[in-house]
Amino acid sequence: MAIDARIRELGNRHRDLDHLIQEELRHPATDTLKVKDLKRRKLRIKEEIQVLEAQA
């Protein structure tokens, strides 16, 4: 049960980061370093979700 809740929480954070990335990319003066950092954070969350799903 706790794993499922953590997966949902991480899924929400993953989705939020995706929205932030898309928003940043809409700006004409995109901060590429910020986008790169957001994508890196999103990937770490995805990897953590995969590990948790393997345990469930």
C-alpha atoms as a PDB file:
ATOM      1  CA  MET A   1       0.000   0.000   0.000  1.00  0.00           C
ATOM      2  CA  ALA A   2       2.752   2.458   0.879  1.00  0.00           C
ATOM      3  CA  ILE A   3       4.558   1.627  -2.355  1.00  0.00           C
ATOM      4  CA  ASP A   4       1.422   2.384  -4.366  1.00  0.00           C
ATOM      5  CA  ALA A   5       1.044   5.748  -2.658  1.00  0.00           C
ATOM      6  CA  ARG A   6       4.688   6.580  -3.335  1.00  0.00           C
ATOM      7  CA  ILE A   7       4.304   5.598  -7.003  1.00  0.00           C
ATOM      8  CA  ARG A   8       1.251   7.882  -7.305  1.00  0.00           C
ATOM      9  CA  GLU A   9       3.114  10.735  -5.623  1.00  0.00           C
ATOM     10  CA  LEU A  10       6.088  10.306  -7.931  1.00  0.00           C
ATOM     11  CA  GLY A  11       3.763  10.070 -10.931  1.00  0.00           C
ATOM     12  CA  ASN A  12       2.245  13.412  -9.974  1.00  0.00           C
ATOM     13  CA  ARG A  13       5.685  14.992  -9.614  1.00  0.00           C
ATOM     14  CA  HIS A  14       6.710  13.494 -12.968  1.00  0.00           C
ATOM     15  CA  ARG A  15       3.632  14.993 -14.630  1.00  0.00           C
ATOM     16  CA  ASP A  16       4.234  18.383 -12.979  1.00  0.00           C
ATOM     17  CA  LEU A  17       7.813  18.437 -14.221  1.00  0.00           C
ATOM     18  CA  ASP A  18       6.581  17.617 -17.723  1.00  0.00           C
ATOM     19  CA  HIS A  19       4.246  20.619 -17.570  1.00  0.00           C
ATOM     20  CA  LEU A  20       7.083  22.853 -16.360  1.00  0.00           C
ATOM     21  CA  ILE A  21       9.312  21.670 -19.208  1.00  0.00           C
ATOM     22  CA  GLN A  22       6.598  22.325 -21.794  1.00  0.00           C
ATOM     23  CA  GLU A  23       5.928  25.767 -20.332  1.00  0.00           C
ATOM     24  CA  GLU A  24       9.629  26.648 -20.387  1.00  0.00           C
ATOM     25  CA  LEU A  25       9.948  25.509 -24.003  1.00  0.00           C
ATOM     26  CA  ARG A  26       7.092  27.839 -25.048  1.00  0.00           C
ATOM     27  CA  HIS A  27       9.120  30.919 -24.110  1.00  0.00           C
ATOM     28  CA  PRO A  28      11.174  32.515 -26.872  1.00  0.00           C
ATOM     29  CA  ALA A  29      14.143  32.886 -24.523  1.00  0.00           C
ATOM     30  CA  THR A  30      14.182  29.309 -23.248  1.00  0.00           C
ATOM     31  CA  ASP A  31      16.626  28.687 -20.431  1.00  0.00           C
ATOM     32  CA  THR A  32      18.291  25.538 -21.770  1.00  0.00           C
ATOM     33  CA  LEU A  33      20.084  24.844 -18.485  1.00  0.00           C
ATOM     34  CA  LYS A  34      16.786  24.971 -16.604  1.00  0.00           C
ATOM     35  CA  VAL A  35      15.164  22.635 -19.149  1.00  0.00           C
ATOM     36  CA  LYS A  36      18.099  20.240 -18.901  1.00  0.00           C
ATOM     37  CA  ASP A  37      17.828  20.213 -15.089  1.00  0.00           C
ATOM     38  CA  LEU A  38      14.065  19.635 -15.211  1.00  0.00           C
ATOM     39  CA  LYS A  39      14.515  16.756 -17.663  1.00  0.00           C
ATOM     40  CA  ARG A  40      17.199  15.210 -15.454  1.00  0.00           C
ATOM     41  CA  ARG A  41      14.898  15.414 -12.421  1.00  0.00           C
ATOM     42  CA  LYS A  42      12.040  13.930 -14.441  1.00  0.00           C
ATOM     43  CA  LEU A  43      14.241  11.014 -15.533  1.00  0.00           C
ATOM     44  CA  ARG A  44      15.312  10.302 -11.931  1.00  0.00           C
ATOM     45  CA  ILE A  45      11.675  10.179 -10.884  1.00  0.00           C
ATOM     46  CA  LYS A  46      10.835   7.841 -13.767  1.00  0.00           C
ATOM     47  CA  GLU A  47      13.662   5.531 -12.756  1.00  0.00           C
ATOM     48  CA  GLU A  48      12.493   5.536  -9.133  1.00  0.00           C
ATOM     49  CA  ILE A  49       8.952   4.691 -10.266  1.00  0.00           C
ATOM     50  CA  GLN A  50      10.286   1.756 -12.289  1.00  0.00           C
ATOM     51  CA  VAL A  51      12.203   0.410  -9.287  1.00  0.00           C
ATOM     52  CA  LEU A  52       9.142   0.700  -7.060  1.00  0.00           C
ATOM     53  CA  GLU A  53       6.893  -0.957  -9.643  1.00  0.00           C
ATOM     54  CA  ALA A  54       9.322  -3.857  -9.834  1.00  0.00           C
ATOM     55  CA  GLN A  55       9.026  -4.280  -6.047  1.00  0.00           C
ATOM     56  CA  ALA A  56       5.216  -4.132  -6.024  1.00  0.00           C
END
